[in-house]
Amino acid sequence: MMSISFGMKLRRIRRERNLSQEAFADFLGDPAQRSSSIIVSMSRDEKAILDLYRQMDNNDKIEIRGEMKGILRAEKYRNKQKEDTVG
């Protein structure tokens, strides 16, 4: 039986989760200093939207989040949410 080193196991985990070195260090680091979530991959559109959002001040970020929540109250999204919870 071949034994896999601890380092090889860590590299496999990093590869399976598709994490950058920084994100993996965060994943392994002190839980108190760990960010609340790690984004593994984003589409080009999601990255562009996030880049724009990061340029805003806190008041505008709050306003945008409110607008997004308001949009998600529309009938077409309520129906989708019901479908997602049923399956």
N, C-alpha and C. Protein backbone atom coordinates (compact mmCIF):
# COMPACT_ATOMS: atom_id res chain seq x y z
N MET A 1 0.85 -1.19 0.00
CA MET A 1 0.00 0.00 0.00
C MET A 1 0.88 1.24 0.00
N MET A 2 0.60 2.16 -0.91
CA MET A 2 1.41 3.36 -1.04
C MET A 2 0.84 4.48 -0.18
N SER A 3 1.69 5.08 0.60
CA SER A 3 1.28 6.17 1.48
C SER A 3 1.44 7.50 0.76
N ILE A 4 0.42 8.36 0.87
CA ILE A 4 0.46 9.69 0.26
C ILE A 4 0.88 10.68 1.33
N SER A 5 1.85 11.53 0.99
CA SER A 5 2.35 12.50 1.96
C SER A 5 1.28 13.56 2.25
N PHE A 6 1.43 14.19 3.39
CA PHE A 6 0.50 15.24 3.80
C PHE A 6 0.49 16.38 2.78
N GLY A 7 1.68 16.74 2.28
CA GLY A 7 1.78 17.80 1.27
C GLY A 7 1.03 17.46 0.00
N MET A 8 1.12 16.20 -0.41
CA MET A 8 0.41 15.77 -1.62
C MET A 8 -1.10 15.82 -1.39
N LYS A 9 -1.54 15.46 -0.19
CA LYS A 9 -2.96 15.54 0.13
C LYS A 9 -3.45 16.98 0.07
N LEU A 10 -2.64 17.90 0.61
CA LEU A 10 -3.02 19.32 0.57
C LEU A 10 -3.09 19.81 -0.87
N ARG A 11 -2.13 19.45 -1.70
CA ARG A 11 -2.15 19.87 -3.11
C ARG A 11 -3.38 19.32 -3.82
N ARG A 12 -3.77 18.08 -3.51
CA ARG A 12 -4.95 17.48 -4.13
C ARG A 12 -6.20 18.25 -3.71
N ILE A 13 -6.31 18.59 -2.43
CA ILE A 13 -7.46 19.36 -1.95
C ILE A 13 -7.52 20.71 -2.67
N ARG A 14 -6.39 21.38 -2.78
CA ARG A 14 -6.33 22.68 -3.44
C ARG A 14 -6.77 22.56 -4.90
N ARG A 15 -6.30 21.52 -5.57
CA ARG A 15 -6.67 21.29 -6.97
C ARG A 15 -8.16 20.98 -7.10
N GLU A 16 -8.68 20.12 -6.24
CA GLU A 16 -10.09 19.73 -6.30
C GLU A 16 -11.02 20.92 -6.05
N ARG A 17 -10.60 21.82 -5.19
CA ARG A 17 -11.43 23.00 -4.88
C ARG A 17 -11.13 24.18 -5.79
N ASN A 18 -10.14 24.00 -6.67
CA ASN A 18 -9.77 25.03 -7.64
C ASN A 18 -9.44 26.36 -6.93
N LEU A 19 -8.61 26.30 -5.91
CA LEU A 19 -8.27 27.47 -5.11
C LEU A 19 -6.91 28.03 -5.50
N SER A 20 -6.79 29.35 -5.51
CA SER A 20 -5.48 29.98 -5.67
C SER A 20 -4.67 29.72 -4.40
N GLN A 21 -3.38 30.00 -4.45
CA GLN A 21 -2.55 29.81 -3.26
C GLN A 21 -3.05 30.68 -2.11
N GLU A 22 -3.44 31.92 -2.42
CA GLU A 22 -3.91 32.82 -1.38
C GLU A 22 -5.22 32.32 -0.76
N ALA A 23 -6.13 31.88 -1.62
CA ALA A 23 -7.41 31.38 -1.12
C ALA A 23 -7.21 30.10 -0.31
N PHE A 24 -6.27 29.26 -0.72
CA PHE A 24 -6.01 28.03 0.01
C PHE A 24 -5.37 28.34 1.37
N ALA A 25 -4.47 29.32 1.40
CA ALA A 25 -3.88 29.73 2.68
C ALA A 25 -4.97 30.26 3.60
N ASP A 26 -5.90 31.02 3.04
CA ASP A 26 -7.04 31.53 3.82
C ASP A 26 -7.89 30.37 4.31
N PHE A 27 -8.11 29.39 3.45
CA PHE A 27 -8.91 28.20 3.78
C PHE A 27 -8.27 27.43 4.95
N LEU A 28 -6.95 27.35 4.96
CA LEU A 28 -6.25 26.60 6.00
C LEU A 28 -5.94 27.43 7.24
N GLY A 29 -5.99 28.75 7.11
CA GLY A 29 -5.55 29.64 8.18
C GLY A 29 -6.45 29.70 9.38
N ASP A 30 -6.18 30.66 10.22
CA ASP A 30 -6.93 30.89 11.46
C ASP A 30 -8.39 31.19 11.13
N PRO A 31 -9.34 30.39 11.63
CA PRO A 31 -10.76 30.62 11.33
C PRO A 31 -11.23 32.02 11.72
N ALA A 32 -10.64 32.62 12.72
CA ALA A 32 -11.05 33.96 13.14
C ALA A 32 -10.66 35.00 12.09
N GLN A 33 -9.62 34.71 11.31
CA GLN A 33 -9.16 35.66 10.30
C GLN A 33 -9.59 35.25 8.89
N ARG A 34 -10.26 34.13 8.76
CA ARG A 34 -10.70 33.62 7.47
C ARG A 34 -11.84 34.48 6.95
N SER A 35 -11.83 34.76 5.67
CA SER A 35 -12.95 35.51 5.09
C SER A 35 -14.21 34.64 5.16
N SER A 36 -15.37 35.28 5.11
CA SER A 36 -16.62 34.55 5.31
C SER A 36 -16.92 33.60 4.16
N SER A 37 -16.38 33.85 2.99
CA SER A 37 -16.59 32.92 1.88
C SER A 37 -15.43 33.03 0.91
N ILE A 38 -15.23 31.96 0.18
CA ILE A 38 -14.18 31.92 -0.83
C ILE A 38 -14.87 31.71 -2.17
N ILE A 39 -14.65 32.61 -3.08
CA ILE A 39 -15.22 32.47 -4.41
C ILE A 39 -14.23 31.67 -5.24
N VAL A 40 -14.66 30.52 -5.70
CA VAL A 40 -13.77 29.64 -6.44
C VAL A 40 -13.69 30.06 -7.90
N SER A 41 -14.82 30.37 -8.51
CA SER A 41 -14.79 30.81 -9.90
C SER A 41 -15.95 31.76 -10.16
N MET A 42 -15.74 32.67 -11.08
CA MET A 42 -16.77 33.64 -11.46
C MET A 42 -16.76 33.76 -12.97
N SER A 43 -17.93 34.03 -13.51
CA SER A 43 -18.01 34.31 -14.94
C SER A 43 -17.40 35.69 -15.19
N ARG A 44 -17.16 35.99 -16.43
CA ARG A 44 -16.62 37.30 -16.80
C ARG A 44 -17.59 38.41 -16.40
N ASP A 45 -18.89 38.16 -16.60
CA ASP A 45 -19.92 39.15 -16.23
C ASP A 45 -19.94 39.38 -14.72
N GLU A 46 -19.88 38.29 -13.95
CA GLU A 46 -19.89 38.43 -12.49
C GLU A 46 -18.67 39.21 -12.00
N LYS A 47 -17.52 38.94 -12.59
CA LYS A 47 -16.31 39.67 -12.20
C LYS A 47 -16.44 41.15 -12.54
N ALA A 48 -16.98 41.46 -13.72
CA ALA A 48 -17.15 42.87 -14.12
C ALA A 48 -18.09 43.59 -13.16
N ILE A 49 -19.18 42.92 -12.78
CA ILE A 49 -20.15 43.53 -11.85
C ILE A 49 -19.51 43.74 -10.49
N LEU A 50 -18.77 42.75 -10.01
CA LEU A 50 -18.11 42.87 -8.72
C LEU A 50 -17.06 43.98 -8.74
N ASP A 51 -16.33 44.11 -9.83
CA ASP A 51 -15.34 45.19 -9.95
C ASP A 51 -16.00 46.56 -9.86
N LEU A 52 -17.15 46.72 -10.53
CA LEU A 52 -17.88 47.99 -10.46
C LEU A 52 -18.39 48.24 -9.04
N TYR A 53 -18.94 47.21 -8.43
CA TYR A 53 -19.49 47.32 -7.07
C TYR A 53 -18.41 47.75 -6.08
N ARG A 54 -17.22 47.20 -6.22
CA ARG A 54 -16.13 47.51 -5.29
C ARG A 54 -15.67 48.97 -5.39
N GLN A 55 -15.97 49.63 -6.50
CA GLN A 55 -15.58 51.03 -6.66
C GLN A 55 -16.54 51.98 -5.94
N MET A 56 -17.69 51.49 -5.51
CA MET A 56 -18.71 52.33 -4.90
C MET A 56 -18.44 52.56 -3.41
N ASP A 57 -18.97 53.68 -2.90
CA ASP A 57 -18.90 53.90 -1.45
C ASP A 57 -19.99 53.07 -0.78
N ASN A 58 -19.95 52.97 0.55
CA ASN A 58 -20.87 52.11 1.29
C ASN A 58 -22.33 52.47 1.07
N ASN A 59 -22.65 53.76 0.99
CA ASN A 59 -24.05 54.17 0.78
C ASN A 59 -24.59 53.66 -0.55
N ASP A 60 -23.77 53.77 -1.60
CA ASP A 60 -24.21 53.28 -2.91
C ASP A 60 -24.30 51.76 -2.92
N LYS A 61 -23.41 51.07 -2.21
CA LYS A 61 -23.48 49.61 -2.13
C LYS A 61 -24.78 49.18 -1.46
N ILE A 62 -25.16 49.88 -0.40
CA ILE A 62 -26.43 49.58 0.29
C ILE A 62 -27.59 49.79 -0.66
N GLU A 63 -27.56 50.87 -1.43
CA GLU A 63 -28.64 51.16 -2.38
C GLU A 63 -28.73 50.08 -3.46
N ILE A 64 -27.60 49.65 -3.97
CA ILE A 64 -27.58 48.61 -5.01
C ILE A 64 -28.13 47.30 -4.46
N ARG A 65 -27.73 46.93 -3.25
CA ARG A 65 -28.26 45.69 -2.65
C ARG A 65 -29.78 45.77 -2.49
N GLY A 66 -30.27 46.94 -2.09
CA GLY A 66 -31.71 47.13 -1.96
C GLY A 66 -32.42 46.99 -3.30
N GLU A 67 -31.83 47.57 -4.33
CA GLU A 67 -32.41 47.46 -5.67
C GLU A 67 -32.46 46.00 -6.12
N MET A 68 -31.38 45.27 -5.87
CA MET A 68 -31.33 43.86 -6.26
C MET A 68 -32.39 43.05 -5.52
N LYS A 69 -32.55 43.32 -4.24
CA LYS A 69 -33.58 42.62 -3.46
C LYS A 69 -34.96 42.95 -4.00
N GLY A 70 -35.17 44.21 -4.38
CA GLY A 70 -36.45 44.62 -4.95
C GLY A 70 -36.73 43.91 -6.27
N ILE A 71 -35.72 43.81 -7.11
CA ILE A 71 -35.88 43.12 -8.40
C ILE A 71 -36.24 41.65 -8.16
N LEU A 72 -35.62 41.03 -7.17
CA LEU A 72 -35.87 39.61 -6.91
C LEU A 72 -37.26 39.34 -6.35
N ARG A 73 -37.99 40.38 -5.97
CA ARG A 73 -39.37 40.20 -5.51
C ARG A 73 -40.35 40.08 -6.67
N ALA A 74 -39.88 40.31 -7.88
CA ALA A 74 -40.74 40.22 -9.07
C ALA A 74 -41.28 38.80 -9.22
N GLU A 75 -42.43 38.70 -9.84
CA GLU A 75 -43.12 37.41 -10.02
C GLU A 75 -42.22 36.36 -10.66
N LYS A 76 -41.49 36.74 -11.70
CA LYS A 76 -40.68 35.74 -12.41
C LYS A 76 -39.61 35.12 -11.50
N TYR A 77 -39.11 35.86 -10.53
CA TYR A 77 -38.11 35.31 -9.62
C TYR A 77 -38.76 34.54 -8.48
N ARG A 78 -39.92 34.96 -8.04
CA ARG A 78 -40.62 34.21 -6.99
C ARG A 78 -40.97 32.82 -7.49
N ASN A 79 -41.41 32.72 -8.74
CA ASN A 79 -41.73 31.41 -9.31
C ASN A 79 -40.48 30.54 -9.40
N LYS A 80 -39.37 31.12 -9.78
CA LYS A 80 -38.11 30.36 -9.87
C LYS A 80 -37.67 29.88 -8.51
N GLN A 81 -37.81 30.72 -7.49
CA GLN A 81 -37.41 30.32 -6.14
C GLN A 81 -38.25 29.15 -5.66
N LYS A 82 -39.55 29.13 -6.00
CA LYS A 82 -40.41 28.03 -5.61
C LYS A 82 -39.96 26.74 -6.29
N GLU A 83 -39.61 26.84 -7.59
CA GLU A 83 -39.14 25.67 -8.33
C GLU A 83 -37.85 25.13 -7.74
N ASP A 84 -36.95 26.01 -7.35
CA ASP A 84 -35.67 25.61 -6.78
C ASP A 84 -35.84 24.90 -5.45
N THR A 85 -36.83 25.31 -4.65
CA THR A 85 -37.02 24.69 -3.35
C THR A 85 -37.77 23.38 -3.44
N VAL A 86 -38.57 23.19 -4.50
CA VAL A 86 -39.33 21.96 -4.66
C VAL A 86 -38.42 20.81 -5.03
N GLY A 87 -37.45 21.06 -5.95
CA GLY A 87 -36.57 20.01 -6.48
C GLY A 87 -35.59 19.58 -5.49
